[in-house]
């Protein structure tokens, strides 16, 4: 297969055709005229045809040269336009298609309204939101951005921390009214505990005492699931205690459907909520704009903070 001419050679030929002079073409391109001449010679040698007649005063295209010019000039214009369009994704108004990977429950509960508001504010952007608790391969699977919960592994990705996540234990008031007293984590052995199987050690709950010592308590109950929302519904129904993140049970706590317990005991959690992108260099405007949009909606307080929930209820 014959090798294609490089862009600089084609640009030199077009400049020569339009200027009819090696000297003027060189000035347009910012090159020495001899370089323009060598590029024309290399192009003619590759094609096996003479493209221009040279004289001491003027360069004139041959019939083959004029035909070649007519074909490549619009191609070069299209390439220039493609360069401008691609560069525009890194500046100016966000535009283009965003492919997002979002955690399932968190995405439905808190990110969904943010996505809708972002699209209203940025009509040049379209979004495909894929909800899954799996840590997808952003680059290999063609995602522009992911929101991830937990502890991030070391990787070539760039992570932007939105905020930490707090954990707590809570239950329905009617469950607590009929259940044994609950003052320390050790009392959990006498309680029905709803088990989240997505946790690294699902049958044990961990707490920190006043001296920051780790206390691990085995738990048991009637329901286990890898879907935390099922466990929250079960807790609201009075089936037991649930060990959850603040964002998962914020609305139930605000409405009184659930009540926090063991408030004197802290639950250690190194995890946080992150926006993850493939890289910072050359990040498209659409991706940077969405990352900034999310970050702005978690400051100064997250959307599940009591004051923000009250504002939502008032509206």
C-alpha atoms as a PDB file:
ATOM      1  CA  UNK A   1       0.000   0.000   0.000  1.00  0.00           C
ATOM      2  CA  UNK A   2       1.389   3.396  -0.991  1.00  0.00           C
ATOM      3  CA  UNK A   3       2.261   5.634   1.932  1.00  0.00           C
ATOM      4  CA  UNK A   4       0.143   8.771   2.232  1.00  0.00           C
ATOM      5  CA  UNK A   5       1.698  12.214   2.106  1.00  0.00           C
ATOM      6  CA  UNK A   6       2.151  13.967   5.428  1.00  0.00           C
ATOM      7  CA  UNK A   7       0.147  17.078   6.303  1.00  0.00           C
ATOM      8  CA  UNK A   8       3.109  19.480   6.061  1.00  0.00           C
ATOM      9  CA  UNK A   9       3.879  18.308   2.522  1.00  0.00           C
ATOM     10  CA  UNK A  10       0.266  18.820   1.454  1.00  0.00           C
ATOM     11  CA  UNK A  11       0.155  22.257   3.091  1.00  0.00           C
ATOM     12  CA  UNK A  12       3.351  23.190   1.248  1.00  0.00           C
ATOM     13  CA  UNK A  13       1.839  22.103  -2.072  1.00  0.00           C
ATOM     14  CA  UNK A  14      -1.369  24.110  -1.488  1.00  0.00           C
ATOM     15  CA  UNK A  15       0.626  27.192  -0.448  1.00  0.00           C
ATOM     16  CA  UNK A  16       2.788  26.882  -3.570  1.00  0.00           C
ATOM     17  CA  UNK A  17      -0.269  26.469  -5.790  1.00  0.00           C
ATOM     18  CA  UNK A  18      -1.929  29.554  -4.314  1.00  0.00           C
ATOM     19  CA  UNK A  19       1.226  31.724  -4.245  1.00  0.00           C
ATOM     20  CA  UNK A  20       2.772  30.560  -7.558  1.00  0.00           C
ATOM     21  CA  UNK A  21       6.219  31.145  -6.036  1.00  0.00           C
ATOM     22  CA  UNK A  22       8.562  29.189  -3.777  1.00  0.00           C
ATOM     23  CA  UNK A  23       9.602  32.400  -2.029  1.00  0.00           C
ATOM     24  CA  UNK A  24       6.040  33.583  -1.301  1.00  0.00           C
ATOM     25  CA  UNK A  25       4.921  30.066  -0.255  1.00  0.00           C
ATOM     26  CA  UNK A  26       7.906  29.902   2.104  1.00  0.00           C
ATOM     27  CA  UNK A  27       6.968  33.233   3.671  1.00  0.00           C
ATOM     28  CA  UNK A  28       3.342  32.091   4.184  1.00  0.00           C
ATOM     29  CA  UNK A  29       4.473  28.879   5.866  1.00  0.00           C
ATOM     30  CA  UNK A  30       7.367  30.451   7.751  1.00  0.00           C
ATOM     31  CA  UNK A  31       9.785  28.089   5.982  1.00  0.00           C
ATOM     32  CA  UNK A  32      12.814  28.465   3.741  1.00  0.00           C
ATOM     33  CA  UNK A  33      11.817  28.278   0.036  1.00  0.00           C
ATOM     34  CA  UNK A  34      14.192  25.337  -0.446  1.00  0.00           C
ATOM     35  CA  UNK A  35      12.143  23.317   2.033  1.00  0.00           C
ATOM     36  CA  UNK A  36       9.009  23.988  -0.020  1.00  0.00           C
ATOM     37  CA  UNK A  37      10.862  22.915  -3.149  1.00  0.00           C
ATOM     38  CA  UNK A  38      12.081  19.681  -1.536  1.00  0.00           C
ATOM     39  CA  UNK A  39       8.577  18.839  -0.345  1.00  0.00           C
ATOM     40  CA  UNK A  40       7.164  19.332  -3.837  1.00  0.00           C
ATOM     41  CA  UNK A  41       9.881  17.097  -5.275  1.00  0.00           C
ATOM     42  CA  UNK A  42       9.192  14.390  -2.662  1.00  0.00           C
ATOM     43  CA  UNK A  43       5.455  14.536  -3.408  1.00  0.00           C
ATOM     44  CA  UNK A  44       6.007  14.259  -7.157  1.00  0.00           C
ATOM     45  CA  UNK A  45       8.423  11.358  -6.641  1.00  0.00           C
ATOM     46  CA  UNK A  46       5.936   9.510  -4.455  1.00  0.00           C
ATOM     47  CA  UNK A  47       3.050  10.044  -6.909  1.00  0.00           C
ATOM     48  CA  UNK A  48       5.162   9.434 -10.000  1.00  0.00           C
ATOM     49  CA  UNK A  49       3.817  12.498 -11.808  1.00  0.00           C
ATOM     50  CA  UNK A  50       4.903  16.119 -12.315  1.00  0.00           C
ATOM     51  CA  UNK A  51       2.575  18.469 -10.394  1.00  0.00           C
ATOM     52  CA  UNK A  52       4.117  21.848 -11.289  1.00  0.00           C
ATOM     53  CA  UNK A  53       6.198  23.498 -13.980  1.00  0.00           C
ATOM     54  CA  UNK A  54       8.996  25.703 -12.594  1.00  0.00           C
ATOM     55  CA  UNK A  55      10.464  28.776 -14.169  1.00  0.00           C
ATOM     56  CA  UNK A  56      12.721  31.489 -12.799  1.00  0.00           C
ATOM     57  CA  UNK A  57       9.719  33.756 -12.164  1.00  0.00           C
ATOM     58  CA  UNK A  58       6.691  31.541 -11.651  1.00  0.00           C
ATOM     59  CA  UNK A  59       5.415  28.092 -10.620  1.00  0.00           C
ATOM     60  CA  UNK A  60       2.454  26.804 -12.632  1.00  0.00           C
ATOM     61  CA  UNK A  61       0.452  23.674 -11.858  1.00  0.00           C
ATOM     62  CA  UNK A  62       0.200  20.938 -14.439  1.00  0.00           C
ATOM     63  CA  UNK A  63      -3.143  19.304 -15.216  1.00  0.00           C
ATOM     64  CA  UNK A  64      -2.305  16.564 -12.711  1.00  0.00           C
ATOM     65  CA  UNK A  65      -1.358  19.253 -10.177  1.00  0.00           C
ATOM     66  CA  UNK A  66      -4.650  21.119 -10.614  1.00  0.00           C
ATOM     67  CA  UNK A  67      -6.637  17.894 -10.217  1.00  0.00           C
ATOM     68  CA  UNK A  68      -4.647  16.973  -7.099  1.00  0.00           C
ATOM     69  CA  UNK A  69      -5.167  20.456  -5.625  1.00  0.00           C
ATOM     70  CA  UNK A  70      -8.922  20.245  -6.127  1.00  0.00           C
ATOM     71  CA  UNK A  71      -9.045  16.994  -4.167  1.00  0.00           C
ATOM     72  CA  UNK A  72      -6.756  17.807  -1.245  1.00  0.00           C
ATOM     73  CA  UNK A  73      -7.682  21.449  -0.535  1.00  0.00           C
ATOM     74  CA  UNK A  74     -11.138  20.608   0.922  1.00  0.00           C
ATOM     75  CA  UNK A  75      -9.576  17.744   2.891  1.00  0.00           C
ATOM     76  CA  UNK A  76      -7.098  20.114   4.528  1.00  0.00           C
ATOM     77  CA  UNK A  77      -9.925  22.513   5.348  1.00  0.00           C
ATOM     78  CA  UNK A  78     -11.842  19.657   6.983  1.00  0.00           C
ATOM     79  CA  UNK A  79      -8.774  18.672   8.990  1.00  0.00           C
ATOM     80  CA  UNK A  80      -8.343  22.260  10.182  1.00  0.00           C
ATOM     81  CA  UNK A  81     -12.013  22.387  11.164  1.00  0.00           C
ATOM     82  CA  UNK A  82     -11.660  19.050  12.990  1.00  0.00           C
ATOM     83  CA  UNK A  83      -8.696  20.451  14.936  1.00  0.00           C
ATOM     84  CA  UNK A  84     -10.706  23.525  15.925  1.00  0.00           C
ATOM     85  CA  UNK A  85     -13.695  21.434  16.941  1.00  0.00           C
ATOM     86  CA  UNK A  86     -11.576  19.067  19.031  1.00  0.00           C
ATOM     87  CA  UNK A  87      -9.786  21.961  20.721  1.00  0.00           C
ATOM     88  CA  UNK A  88     -13.131  23.582  21.525  1.00  0.00           C
ATOM     89  CA  UNK A  89     -13.892  20.658  23.844  1.00  0.00           C
ATOM     90  CA  UNK A  90     -11.120  21.893  26.130  1.00  0.00           C
ATOM     91  CA  UNK A  91     -12.380  25.476  26.326  1.00  0.00           C
ATOM     92  CA  UNK A  92     -15.543  27.506  26.122  1.00  0.00           C
ATOM     93  CA  UNK A  93     -19.024  26.098  26.687  1.00  0.00           C
ATOM     94  CA  UNK A  94     -19.301  22.389  27.565  1.00  0.00           C
ATOM     95  CA  UNK A  95     -20.499  20.306  24.662  1.00  0.00           C
ATOM     96  CA  UNK A  96     -20.475  16.689  23.584  1.00  0.00           C
ATOM     97  CA  UNK A  97     -21.455  13.336  25.066  1.00  0.00           C
ATOM     98  CA  UNK A  98     -20.593  12.300  28.642  1.00  0.00           C
ATOM     99  CA  UNK A  99     -20.532   8.655  29.682  1.00  0.00           C
ATOM    100  CA  UNK A 100     -20.806   8.322  33.465  1.00  0.00           C
ATOM    101  CA  UNK A 101     -20.357   5.383  35.838  1.00  0.00           C
ATOM    102  CA  UNK A 102     -22.346   5.914  39.047  1.00  0.00           C
ATOM    103  CA  UNK A 103     -22.948   3.802  42.177  1.00  0.00           C
ATOM    104  CA  UNK A 104     -26.441   2.363  42.114  1.00  0.00           C
ATOM    105  CA  UNK A 105     -28.253   3.599  45.247  1.00  0.00           C
ATOM    106  CA  UNK A 106     -26.203   6.770  45.625  1.00  0.00           C
ATOM    107  CA  UNK A 107     -26.745   7.596  41.968  1.00  0.00           C
ATOM    108  CA  UNK A 108     -30.511   7.199  42.161  1.00  0.00           C
ATOM    109  CA  UNK A 109     -30.919   9.036  45.462  1.00  0.00           C
ATOM    110  CA  UNK A 110     -28.558  11.983  45.182  1.00  0.00           C
ATOM    111  CA  UNK A 111     -26.892  12.240  41.769  1.00  0.00           C
ATOM    112  CA  UNK A 112     -30.000  11.884  39.612  1.00  0.00           C
ATOM    113  CA  UNK A 113     -31.364  15.400  40.346  1.00  0.00           C
ATOM    114  CA  UNK A 114     -27.866  16.857  39.913  1.00  0.00           C
ATOM    115  CA  UNK A 115     -27.590  15.304  36.447  1.00  0.00           C
ATOM    116  CA  UNK A 116     -30.973  16.694  35.423  1.00  0.00           C
ATOM    117  CA  UNK A 117     -30.024  20.175  36.620  1.00  0.00           C
ATOM    118  CA  UNK A 118     -26.660  19.973  34.828  1.00  0.00           C
ATOM    119  CA  UNK A 119     -28.322  19.092  31.524  1.00  0.00           C
ATOM    120  CA  UNK A 120     -30.752  21.994  31.894  1.00  0.00           C
ATOM    121  CA  UNK A 121     -27.838  24.361  32.472  1.00  0.00           C
ATOM    122  CA  UNK A 122     -25.695  22.909  29.656  1.00  0.00           C
ATOM    123  CA  UNK A 123     -27.874  22.138  26.612  1.00  0.00           C
ATOM    124  CA  UNK A 124     -24.818  21.293  24.501  1.00  0.00           C
ATOM    125  CA  UNK A 125     -24.111  18.168  26.560  1.00  0.00           C
ATOM    126  CA  UNK A 126     -25.745  14.734  26.433  1.00  0.00           C
ATOM    127  CA  UNK A 127     -25.253  12.080  29.130  1.00  0.00           C
ATOM    128  CA  UNK A 128     -25.338   8.320  29.369  1.00  0.00           C
ATOM    129  CA  UNK A 129     -25.454   7.296  33.050  1.00  0.00           C
ATOM    130  CA  UNK A 130     -24.588   3.672  33.825  1.00  0.00           C
ATOM    131  CA  UNK A 131     -25.472   2.648  37.382  1.00  0.00           C
ATOM    132  CA  UNK A 132     -23.426  -0.151  38.897  1.00  0.00           C
ATOM    133  CA  UNK A 133     -21.537  -0.762  42.143  1.00  0.00           C
ATOM    134  CA  UNK A 134     -18.705  -2.327  40.136  1.00  0.00           C
ATOM    135  CA  UNK A 135     -15.497  -0.304  39.772  1.00  0.00           C
ATOM    136  CA  UNK A 136     -15.465  -0.092  35.975  1.00  0.00           C
ATOM    137  CA  UNK A 137     -12.352   0.301  33.842  1.00  0.00           C
ATOM    138  CA  UNK A 138     -12.858   3.939  32.810  1.00  0.00           C
ATOM    139  CA  UNK A 139     -10.390   3.897  29.939  1.00  0.00           C
ATOM    140  CA  UNK A 140     -11.010   0.358  28.702  1.00  0.00           C
ATOM    141  CA  UNK A 141     -14.800   0.686  28.852  1.00  0.00           C
ATOM    142  CA  UNK A 142     -15.001   4.207  27.466  1.00  0.00           C
ATOM    143  CA  UNK A 143     -16.228   6.176  30.491  1.00  0.00           C
ATOM    144  CA  UNK A 144     -15.473   9.886  30.879  1.00  0.00           C
ATOM    145  CA  UNK A 145     -16.068  10.075  34.625  1.00  0.00           C
ATOM    146  CA  UNK A 146     -17.057   7.906  37.579  1.00  0.00           C
ATOM    147  CA  UNK A 147     -18.364   8.596  41.068  1.00  0.00           C
ATOM    148  CA  UNK A 148     -16.936   6.081  43.512  1.00  0.00           C
ATOM    149  CA  UNK A 149     -17.592   5.334  47.157  1.00  0.00           C
ATOM    150  CA  UNK A 150     -15.099   3.775  49.524  1.00  0.00           C
ATOM    151  CA  UNK A 151     -11.339   3.354  49.499  1.00  0.00           C
ATOM    152  CA  UNK A 152      -9.742   3.835  46.101  1.00  0.00           C
ATOM    153  CA  UNK A 153      -6.979   1.511  44.912  1.00  0.00           C
ATOM    154  CA  UNK A 154      -3.799   3.024  43.539  1.00  0.00           C
ATOM    155  CA  UNK A 155      -4.271   3.614  39.842  1.00  0.00           C
ATOM    156  CA  UNK A 156      -3.448   5.863  36.888  1.00  0.00           C
ATOM    157  CA  UNK A 157      -6.785   7.623  37.384  1.00  0.00           C
ATOM    158  CA  UNK A 158      -7.203  11.065  38.918  1.00  0.00           C
ATOM    159  CA  UNK A 159      -9.483  11.177  41.972  1.00  0.00           C
ATOM    160  CA  UNK A 160     -11.192  14.291  43.319  1.00  0.00           C
ATOM    161  CA  UNK A 161     -12.473  13.887  46.872  1.00  0.00           C
ATOM    162  CA  UNK A 162     -15.939  15.356  47.361  1.00  0.00           C
ATOM    163  CA  UNK A 163     -16.259  14.562  51.061  1.00  0.00           C
ATOM    164  CA  UNK A 164     -15.870  11.820  53.631  1.00  0.00           C
ATOM    165  CA  UNK A 165     -18.693   9.471  54.427  1.00  0.00           C
ATOM    166  CA  UNK A 166     -19.993   8.904  57.937  1.00  0.00           C
ATOM    167  CA  UNK A 167     -21.414   5.620  59.168  1.00  0.00           C
ATOM    168  CA  UNK A 168     -23.975   5.038  61.897  1.00  0.00           C
ATOM    169  CA  UNK A 169     -26.357   2.456  63.373  1.00  0.00           C
ATOM    170  CA  UNK A 170     -30.093   3.117  63.456  1.00  0.00           C
ATOM    171  CA  UNK A 171     -33.447   1.411  63.861  1.00  0.00           C
ATOM    172  CA  UNK A 172     -37.171   2.122  63.829  1.00  0.00           C
ATOM    173  CA  UNK A 173     -38.616   3.570  67.062  1.00  0.00           C
ATOM    174  CA  UNK A 174     -41.071   0.664  67.435  1.00  0.00           C
ATOM    175  CA  UNK A 175     -38.222  -1.872  67.178  1.00  0.00           C
ATOM    176  CA  UNK A 176     -36.262  -0.052  69.879  1.00  0.00           C
ATOM    177  CA  UNK A 177     -39.348   0.135  72.102  1.00  0.00           C
ATOM    178  CA  UNK A 178     -39.667  -3.663  72.255  1.00  0.00           C
ATOM    179  CA  UNK A 179     -35.977  -4.651  71.973  1.00  0.00           C
ATOM    180  CA  UNK A 180     -33.438  -5.100  74.803  1.00  0.00           C
ATOM    181  CA  UNK A 181     -31.492  -2.095  76.056  1.00  0.00           C
ATOM    182  CA  UNK A 182     -28.734  -0.934  73.714  1.00  0.00           C
ATOM    183  CA  UNK A 183     -25.960   1.027  75.399  1.00  0.00           C
ATOM    184  CA  UNK A 184     -22.725  -0.476  74.075  1.00  0.00           C
ATOM    185  CA  UNK A 185     -21.756  -2.433  70.947  1.00  0.00           C
ATOM    186  CA  UNK A 186     -21.598  -5.594  73.053  1.00  0.00           C
ATOM    187  CA  UNK A 187     -25.388  -5.353  73.477  1.00  0.00           C
ATOM    188  CA  UNK A 188     -25.775  -5.995  69.736  1.00  0.00           C
ATOM    189  CA  UNK A 189     -25.495  -9.726  70.429  1.00  0.00           C
ATOM    190  CA  UNK A 190     -29.047  -9.558  71.797  1.00  0.00           C
ATOM    191  CA  UNK A 191     -30.415  -7.673  68.791  1.00  0.00           C
ATOM    192  CA  UNK A 192     -31.609  -8.427  65.286  1.00  0.00           C
ATOM    193  CA  UNK A 193     -29.044  -6.899  62.928  1.00  0.00           C
ATOM    194  CA  UNK A 194     -29.572  -6.517  59.204  1.00  0.00           C
ATOM    195  CA  UNK A 195     -26.522  -7.791  57.339  1.00  0.00           C
ATOM    196  CA  UNK A 196     -25.053  -6.015  54.313  1.00  0.00           C
ATOM    197  CA  UNK A 197     -23.195  -8.687  52.331  1.00  0.00           C
ATOM    198  CA  UNK A 198     -21.357  -6.115  50.207  1.00  0.00           C
ATOM    199  CA  UNK A 199     -19.202  -5.287  53.238  1.00  0.00           C
ATOM    200  CA  UNK A 200     -15.758  -6.886  53.495  1.00  0.00           C
ATOM    201  CA  UNK A 201     -16.723  -8.610  56.771  1.00  0.00           C
ATOM    202  CA  UNK A 202     -20.538  -8.653  56.664  1.00  0.00           C
ATOM    203  CA  UNK A 203     -21.152 -10.562  59.910  1.00  0.00           C
ATOM    204  CA  UNK A 204     -19.174  -8.155  62.113  1.00  0.00           C
ATOM    205  CA  UNK A 205     -19.707  -4.491  62.935  1.00  0.00           C
ATOM    206  CA  UNK A 206     -16.749  -2.367  64.019  1.00  0.00           C
ATOM    207  CA  UNK A 207     -16.661   0.611  66.384  1.00  0.00           C
ATOM    208  CA  UNK A 208     -14.062   2.853  68.036  1.00  0.00           C
ATOM    209  CA  UNK A 209     -14.229   3.494  71.762  1.00  0.00           C
ATOM    210  CA  UNK A 210     -13.276   6.748  73.534  1.00  0.00           C
ATOM    211  CA  UNK A 211      -9.591   5.752  73.378  1.00  0.00           C
ATOM    212  CA  UNK A 212      -9.841   5.022  69.638  1.00  0.00           C
ATOM    213  CA  UNK A 213      -9.556   1.278  70.243  1.00  0.00           C
ATOM    214  CA  UNK A 214     -11.258  -0.975  67.754  1.00  0.00           C
ATOM    215  CA  UNK A 215     -14.207  -3.004  69.038  1.00  0.00           C
ATOM    216  CA  UNK A 216     -15.547  -5.747  66.751  1.00  0.00           C
ATOM    217  CA  UNK A 217     -18.926  -7.334  67.442  1.00  0.00           C
ATOM    218  CA  UNK A 218     -20.415 -10.355  65.616  1.00  0.00           C
ATOM    219  CA  UNK A 219     -23.966  -9.755  64.406  1.00  0.00           C
ATOM    220  CA  UNK A 220     -26.892 -11.857  63.248  1.00  0.00           C
ATOM    221  CA  UNK A 221     -30.414 -11.248  61.991  1.00  0.00           C
ATOM    222  CA  UNK A 222     -33.259 -12.368  59.778  1.00  0.00           C
ATOM    223  CA  UNK A 223     -32.189 -10.567  56.594  1.00  0.00           C
ATOM    224  CA  UNK A 224     -28.979 -10.267  54.589  1.00  0.00           C
ATOM    225  CA  UNK A 225     -28.601  -8.514  51.229  1.00  0.00           C
ATOM    226  CA  UNK A 226     -26.072  -6.908  48.928  1.00  0.00           C
ATOM    227  CA  UNK A 227     -28.604  -4.110  48.299  1.00  0.00           C
ATOM    228  CA  UNK A 228     -28.449  -1.596  51.137  1.00  0.00           C
ATOM    229  CA  UNK A 229     -31.827  -0.055  50.262  1.00  0.00           C
ATOM    230  CA  UNK A 230     -33.553  -3.376  51.008  1.00  0.00           C
ATOM    231  CA  UNK A 231     -31.974  -3.343  54.463  1.00  0.00           C
ATOM    232  CA  UNK A 232     -33.108   0.234  55.096  1.00  0.00           C
ATOM    233  CA  UNK A 233     -36.677  -0.707  54.161  1.00  0.00           C
ATOM    234  CA  UNK A 234     -36.448  -3.659  56.537  1.00  0.00           C
ATOM    235  CA  UNK A 235     -35.193  -1.411  59.331  1.00  0.00           C
ATOM    236  CA  UNK A 236     -38.085   1.004  58.762  1.00  0.00           C
ATOM    237  CA  UNK A 237     -40.431  -1.990  58.980  1.00  0.00           C
ATOM    238  CA  UNK A 238     -39.027  -2.772  62.423  1.00  0.00           C
ATOM    239  CA  UNK A 239     -37.019  -5.880  61.545  1.00  0.00           C
ATOM    240  CA  UNK A 240     -33.829  -4.760  63.244  1.00  0.00           C
ATOM    241  CA  UNK A 241     -30.827  -2.494  63.316  1.00  0.00           C
ATOM    242  CA  UNK A 242     -29.046  -1.324  60.179  1.00  0.00           C
ATOM    243  CA  UNK A 243     -25.380  -0.274  59.906  1.00  0.00           C
ATOM    244  CA  UNK A 244     -25.436   2.360  57.198  1.00  0.00           C
ATOM    245  CA  UNK A 245     -23.856   5.447  55.696  1.00  0.00           C
ATOM    246  CA  UNK A 246     -25.395   8.831  56.508  1.00  0.00           C
ATOM    247  CA  UNK A 247     -26.478   9.520  52.940  1.00  0.00           C
ATOM    248  CA  UNK A 248     -28.375   6.230  52.759  1.00  0.00           C
ATOM    249  CA  UNK A 249     -30.657   6.875  55.758  1.00  0.00           C
ATOM    250  CA  UNK A 250     -30.691  10.686  55.932  1.00  0.00           C
ATOM    251  CA  UNK A 251     -34.317  11.058  54.830  1.00  0.00           C
ATOM    252  CA  UNK A 252     -35.545   8.347  57.210  1.00  0.00           C
ATOM    253  CA  UNK A 253     -33.677   9.955  60.107  1.00  0.00           C
ATOM    254  CA  UNK A 254     -35.037  13.399  59.244  1.00  0.00           C
ATOM    255  CA  UNK A 255     -38.618  12.090  59.142  1.00  0.00           C
ATOM    256  CA  UNK A 256     -38.290  10.054  62.349  1.00  0.00           C
ATOM    257  CA  UNK A 257     -38.806   6.699  60.619  1.00  0.00           C
ATOM    258  CA  UNK A 258     -35.380   5.698  61.921  1.00  0.00           C
ATOM    259  CA  UNK A 259     -33.510   6.750  65.059  1.00  0.00           C
ATOM    260  CA  UNK A 260     -29.765   6.737  65.518  1.00  0.00           C
ATOM    261  CA  UNK A 261     -28.335   4.571  68.329  1.00  0.00           C
ATOM    262  CA  UNK A 262     -24.914   4.084  69.933  1.00  0.00           C
ATOM    263  CA  UNK A 263     -24.176   7.750  69.315  1.00  0.00           C
ATOM    264  CA  UNK A 264     -21.251   7.720  71.771  1.00  0.00           C
ATOM    265  CA  UNK A 265     -19.402   5.192  69.650  1.00  0.00           C
ATOM    266  CA  UNK A 266     -17.651   6.246  66.483  1.00  0.00           C
ATOM    267  CA  UNK A 267     -17.514   4.046  63.420  1.00  0.00           C
ATOM    268  CA  UNK A 268     -14.184   4.143  61.631  1.00  0.00           C
ATOM    269  CA  UNK A 269     -14.383   4.583  57.866  1.00  0.00           C
ATOM    270  CA  UNK A 270     -11.423   5.452  55.674  1.00  0.00           C
ATOM    271  CA  UNK A 271     -13.656   5.654  52.635  1.00  0.00           C
ATOM    272  CA  UNK A 272     -14.960   8.796  50.967  1.00  0.00           C
ATOM    273  CA  UNK A 273     -16.951   9.963  47.950  1.00  0.00           C
ATOM    274  CA  UNK A 274     -14.829  10.642  44.885  1.00  0.00           C
ATOM    275  CA  UNK A 275     -15.110  11.878  41.327  1.00  0.00           C
ATOM    276  CA  UNK A 276     -12.671   9.893  39.195  1.00  0.00           C
ATOM    277  CA  UNK A 277     -11.441  10.810  35.698  1.00  0.00           C
ATOM    278  CA  UNK A 278      -8.850   9.246  33.390  1.00  0.00           C
ATOM    279  CA  UNK A 279      -6.479  12.247  33.562  1.00  0.00           C
ATOM    280  CA  UNK A 280      -6.207  15.956  34.265  1.00  0.00           C
ATOM    281  CA  UNK A 281      -4.164  16.900  31.182  1.00  0.00           C
ATOM    282  CA  UNK A 282      -6.412  17.719  28.250  1.00  0.00           C
ATOM    283  CA  UNK A 283      -9.575  17.019  30.225  1.00  0.00           C
ATOM    284  CA  UNK A 284     -12.520  18.019  28.004  1.00  0.00           C
ATOM    285  CA  UNK A 285     -14.630  20.969  29.102  1.00  0.00           C
ATOM    286  CA  UNK A 286     -17.713  18.743  29.403  1.00  0.00           C
ATOM    287  CA  UNK A 287     -15.950  16.446  31.899  1.00  0.00           C
ATOM    288  CA  UNK A 288     -14.373  19.256  33.894  1.00  0.00           C
ATOM    289  CA  UNK A 289     -17.698  21.116  34.006  1.00  0.00           C
ATOM    290  CA  UNK A 290     -19.574  18.082  35.334  1.00  0.00           C
ATOM    291  CA  UNK A 291     -16.905  17.378  37.954  1.00  0.00           C
ATOM    292  CA  UNK A 292     -17.079  21.014  39.108  1.00  0.00           C
ATOM    293  CA  UNK A 293     -20.883  20.860  39.091  1.00  0.00           C
ATOM    294  CA  UNK A 294     -20.912  17.875  41.439  1.00  0.00           C
ATOM    295  CA  UNK A 295     -18.256  19.358  43.715  1.00  0.00           C
ATOM    296  CA  UNK A 296     -20.268  22.557  44.040  1.00  0.00           C
ATOM    297  CA  UNK A 297     -23.354  20.645  45.142  1.00  0.00           C
ATOM    298  CA  UNK A 298     -21.504  18.946  47.997  1.00  0.00           C
ATOM    299  CA  UNK A 299     -20.319  22.261  49.470  1.00  0.00           C
ATOM    300  CA  UNK A 300     -20.554  23.641  52.058  1.00  0.00           C
ATOM    301  CA  UNK A 301     -22.856  20.779  53.096  1.00  0.00           C
ATOM    302  CA  UNK A 302     -23.890  17.606  51.283  1.00  0.00           C
ATOM    303  CA  UNK A 303     -27.458  17.378  49.945  1.00  0.00           C
ATOM    304  CA  UNK A 304     -28.484  15.046  52.787  1.00  0.00           C
ATOM    305  CA  UNK A 305     -27.504  17.529  55.507  1.00  0.00           C
ATOM    306  CA  UNK A 306     -30.544  18.263  57.722  1.00  0.00           C
ATOM    307  CA  UNK A 307     -30.757  21.937  56.712  1.00  0.00           C
ATOM    308  CA  UNK A 308     -30.735  21.082  53.002  1.00  0.00           C
ATOM    309  CA  UNK A 309     -33.355  18.368  53.485  1.00  0.00           C
ATOM    310  CA  UNK A 310     -35.567  20.899  55.270  1.00  0.00           C
ATOM    311  CA  UNK A 311     -35.176  23.301  52.341  1.00  0.00           C
ATOM    312  CA  UNK A 312     -36.243  20.557  49.939  1.00  0.00           C
ATOM    313  CA  UNK A 313     -39.270  19.779  52.102  1.00  0.00           C
ATOM    314  CA  UNK A 314     -40.267  23.458  52.196  1.00  0.00           C
ATOM    315  CA  UNK A 315     -40.228  23.581  48.385  1.00  0.00           C
END
